[in-house]
């Protein structure tokens, strides 16, 4: 809340970027420049008098099903504490599925499914995009399991036109999504802080 309530000046940004969150050893989208820019957009909306807020719900020290359970519990508590608010939950697309199972774990119960079981009106959207680039972290190209190989990678998507849109289907698909949101061509967003860069 401190950043959202600030004037967004250099000192406010420096204070925000001091948080350990931005220096994760797993530099994925959670700590990206795009995420920092989204916080700035929300700060500007709040400064204009709009009632917007941010809830941190990830539990990065948990793994697998424990993490899904913890994230869902945090969000259920938040929604039940302020049920009249409208919530937009931003997560990786594995977490937002509303059906049980993954190709590598048939028993996996994603956060989206857990939310759907506890809350009304849960809608899960998958992202659709045109080709471009993305910041992707994967197991090191040499196969070293304790090291991630992160960087800009080409992505292959489908061109659905110039207009962004949300499309929902008549029923949930096999992956547990109710529809898609289309964002056009994508561009990689590097970590907001690149540890070790000069």
Protein backbone atom coordinates (compact mmCIF):
# COMPACT_ATOMS: atom_id res chain seq x y z
CA UNK A 1 0.00 0.00 0.00
CA UNK A 2 2.88 2.39 0.65
CA UNK A 3 3.76 2.57 -3.05
CA UNK A 4 0.13 2.81 -4.20
CA UNK A 5 -0.40 5.70 -1.77
CA UNK A 6 2.82 7.45 -2.81
CA UNK A 7 3.42 10.14 -5.44
CA UNK A 8 5.45 7.68 -7.54
CA UNK A 9 8.61 9.75 -7.26
CA UNK A 10 12.14 8.38 -7.54
CA UNK A 11 12.41 7.79 -3.79
CA UNK A 12 9.13 5.86 -3.81
CA UNK A 13 10.42 3.63 -6.61
CA UNK A 14 13.71 3.05 -4.82
CA UNK A 15 11.88 2.03 -1.67
CA UNK A 16 9.63 -0.34 -3.64
CA UNK A 17 12.61 -1.97 -5.37
CA UNK A 18 14.40 -2.53 -2.04
CA UNK A 19 11.94 -5.32 -1.20
CA UNK A 20 13.44 -8.84 -1.44
CA UNK A 21 10.53 -9.82 -3.72
CA UNK A 22 12.23 -8.09 -6.67
CA UNK A 23 15.48 -10.04 -6.14
CA UNK A 24 14.12 -13.55 -6.45
CA UNK A 25 16.54 -16.28 -7.56
CA UNK A 26 13.76 -17.27 -9.99
CA UNK A 27 13.37 -14.12 -12.11
CA UNK A 28 10.02 -14.87 -13.73
CA UNK A 29 7.10 -12.61 -14.56
CA UNK A 30 6.22 -11.89 -10.93
CA UNK A 31 9.18 -9.51 -10.62
CA UNK A 32 9.19 -8.20 -14.19
CA UNK A 33 9.30 -4.65 -15.52
CA UNK A 34 5.73 -5.24 -16.72
CA UNK A 35 4.62 -6.06 -13.17
CA UNK A 36 6.32 -2.91 -11.85
CA UNK A 37 4.62 -0.89 -14.60
CA UNK A 38 1.26 -2.42 -13.67
CA UNK A 39 1.78 -1.28 -10.07
CA UNK A 40 2.49 2.22 -11.39
CA UNK A 41 -0.75 2.17 -13.42
CA UNK A 42 -2.67 1.10 -10.32
CA UNK A 43 -0.95 3.83 -8.29
CA UNK A 44 -2.09 6.40 -10.85
CA UNK A 45 -5.68 5.09 -10.76
CA UNK A 46 -5.72 5.31 -6.97
CA UNK A 47 -4.29 8.85 -7.10
CA UNK A 48 -7.27 9.78 -9.31
CA UNK A 49 -9.65 8.57 -6.61
CA UNK A 50 -10.45 5.07 -7.87
CA UNK A 51 -10.83 2.37 -5.22
CA UNK A 52 -8.15 -0.06 -6.38
CA UNK A 53 -5.99 -2.31 -4.24
CA UNK A 54 -3.36 -5.03 -4.62
CA UNK A 55 -3.31 -8.32 -2.73
CA UNK A 56 -0.17 -10.45 -2.64
CA UNK A 57 -1.25 -14.08 -2.56
CA UNK A 58 1.76 -16.14 -3.66
CA UNK A 59 3.53 -18.46 -1.23
CA UNK A 60 6.86 -18.97 -3.02
CA UNK A 61 8.41 -21.06 -0.24
CA UNK A 62 5.71 -23.70 -0.69
CA UNK A 63 5.82 -26.18 -3.56
CA UNK A 64 3.35 -28.21 -5.58
CA UNK A 65 -0.05 -28.79 -4.01
CA UNK A 66 0.90 -26.98 -0.80
CA UNK A 67 1.49 -23.81 -2.79
CA UNK A 68 -1.84 -24.13 -4.64
CA UNK A 69 -3.64 -24.69 -1.32
CA UNK A 70 -1.93 -21.71 0.33
CA UNK A 71 -2.59 -19.33 -2.56
CA UNK A 72 -6.25 -20.35 -2.71
CA UNK A 73 -6.66 -19.97 1.07
CA UNK A 74 -5.19 -16.45 0.96
CA UNK A 75 -7.55 -15.40 -1.83
CA UNK A 76 -10.62 -17.03 -0.26
CA UNK A 77 -9.88 -15.17 2.98
CA UNK A 78 -9.51 -11.90 1.06
CA UNK A 79 -12.75 -12.34 -0.88
CA UNK A 80 -14.70 -13.40 2.19
CA UNK A 81 -13.32 -10.36 4.06
CA UNK A 82 -14.54 -7.95 1.35
CA UNK A 83 -17.18 -9.85 -0.67
CA UNK A 84 -18.62 -6.82 -2.50
CA UNK A 85 -15.36 -6.04 -4.28
CA UNK A 86 -14.55 -7.23 -7.81
CA UNK A 87 -11.33 -9.24 -8.01
CA UNK A 88 -8.95 -9.79 -10.91
CA UNK A 89 -6.40 -12.47 -10.03
CA UNK A 90 -3.22 -12.51 -12.08
CA UNK A 91 -1.32 -15.80 -12.05
CA UNK A 92 0.45 -18.27 -14.26
CA UNK A 93 -1.95 -20.29 -16.40
CA UNK A 94 -1.30 -23.57 -14.57
CA UNK A 95 -2.59 -22.02 -11.33
CA UNK A 96 -5.76 -20.55 -12.83
CA UNK A 97 -7.16 -23.82 -14.24
CA UNK A 98 -10.46 -24.92 -12.75
CA UNK A 99 -10.14 -28.64 -13.49
CA UNK A 100 -8.20 -31.29 -11.62
CA UNK A 101 -5.04 -32.75 -13.10
CA UNK A 102 -2.05 -31.84 -15.22
CA UNK A 103 -0.30 -33.92 -17.88
CA UNK A 104 2.45 -34.77 -15.36
CA UNK A 105 0.25 -35.06 -12.24
CA UNK A 106 -3.35 -36.30 -12.54
CA UNK A 107 -4.05 -35.52 -8.86
CA UNK A 108 -2.98 -31.86 -9.00
CA UNK A 109 -5.68 -29.46 -7.79
CA UNK A 110 -4.89 -25.98 -9.15
CA UNK A 111 -5.67 -22.80 -7.27
CA UNK A 112 -8.46 -22.00 -9.75
CA UNK A 113 -10.26 -25.25 -8.96
CA UNK A 114 -9.91 -24.64 -5.22
CA UNK A 115 -11.33 -21.12 -5.63
CA UNK A 116 -14.23 -22.41 -7.73
CA UNK A 117 -15.09 -24.90 -4.97
CA UNK A 118 -15.21 -22.15 -2.31
CA UNK A 119 -16.43 -19.02 -4.13
CA UNK A 120 -19.23 -18.00 -6.48
CA UNK A 121 -18.70 -16.65 -9.99
CA UNK A 122 -15.11 -17.74 -10.57
CA UNK A 123 -14.11 -17.30 -14.23
CA UNK A 124 -10.72 -18.53 -15.45
CA UNK A 125 -9.29 -17.02 -18.63
CA UNK A 126 -6.21 -18.26 -20.47
CA UNK A 127 -4.03 -15.82 -22.36
CA UNK A 128 -4.05 -15.86 -26.17
CA UNK A 129 -1.37 -13.97 -28.06
CA UNK A 130 0.30 -13.40 -31.39
CA UNK A 131 3.94 -14.39 -31.90
CA UNK A 132 6.70 -12.31 -30.35
CA UNK A 133 9.13 -12.70 -27.47
CA UNK A 134 8.88 -13.63 -23.80
CA UNK A 135 11.23 -13.76 -20.81
CA UNK A 136 11.36 -17.48 -20.02
CA UNK A 137 13.20 -19.43 -17.34
CA UNK A 138 13.82 -23.12 -17.92
CA UNK A 139 16.20 -25.80 -16.69
CA UNK A 140 19.73 -24.93 -17.72
CA UNK A 141 20.40 -25.89 -21.36
CA UNK A 142 23.21 -28.18 -20.16
CA UNK A 143 20.66 -30.09 -18.06
CA UNK A 144 21.90 -28.80 -14.69
CA UNK A 145 18.79 -29.07 -12.54
CA UNK A 146 19.79 -26.58 -9.85
CA UNK A 147 20.29 -23.71 -12.27
CA UNK A 148 17.81 -21.83 -14.41
CA UNK A 149 18.56 -20.56 -17.87
CA UNK A 150 16.60 -17.30 -18.17
CA UNK A 151 16.36 -14.93 -21.08
CA UNK A 152 14.42 -13.62 -24.05
CA UNK A 153 12.93 -16.38 -26.17
CA UNK A 154 10.83 -16.40 -29.34
CA UNK A 155 7.19 -17.35 -28.85
CA UNK A 156 4.81 -18.74 -31.41
CA UNK A 157 1.24 -17.57 -31.10
CA UNK A 158 -1.74 -16.99 -33.36
CA UNK A 159 -2.68 -13.68 -34.94
CA UNK A 160 -6.26 -12.89 -33.95
CA UNK A 161 -6.21 -9.34 -35.25
CA UNK A 162 -5.22 -5.94 -33.95
CA UNK A 163 -7.93 -5.55 -31.30
CA UNK A 164 -7.50 -6.94 -27.80
CA UNK A 165 -10.51 -8.90 -26.57
CA UNK A 166 -11.99 -11.26 -24.00
CA UNK A 167 -13.98 -14.21 -25.31
CA UNK A 168 -15.86 -16.70 -23.15
CA UNK A 169 -17.17 -20.05 -24.31
CA UNK A 170 -20.50 -21.76 -23.60
CA UNK A 171 -18.75 -24.30 -21.37
CA UNK A 172 -15.41 -24.83 -19.68
CA UNK A 173 -12.73 -26.38 -21.89
CA UNK A 174 -10.65 -29.48 -21.07
CA UNK A 175 -8.03 -27.40 -19.23
CA UNK A 176 -10.60 -25.69 -17.03
CA UNK A 177 -10.74 -22.29 -18.72
CA UNK A 178 -13.95 -20.40 -19.39
CA UNK A 179 -12.40 -18.40 -22.22
CA UNK A 180 -9.40 -16.36 -23.32
CA UNK A 181 -8.13 -12.82 -23.22
CA UNK A 182 -6.18 -11.83 -26.34
CA UNK A 183 -3.27 -9.39 -26.03
CA UNK A 184 -1.86 -9.27 -29.58
CA UNK A 185 1.86 -9.71 -30.18
CA UNK A 186 3.98 -10.08 -27.06
CA UNK A 187 7.29 -8.54 -26.07
CA UNK A 188 9.62 -9.91 -23.43
CA UNK A 189 9.60 -8.14 -20.06
CA UNK A 190 12.89 -8.62 -18.23
CA UNK A 191 13.15 -8.57 -14.42
CA UNK A 192 12.63 -5.08 -12.99
CA UNK A 193 15.97 -5.55 -11.22
CA UNK A 194 18.67 -7.51 -12.98
CA UNK A 195 20.91 -8.69 -10.12
CA UNK A 196 24.56 -8.39 -11.16
CA UNK A 197 23.93 -5.93 -13.99
CA UNK A 198 25.94 -2.77 -13.93
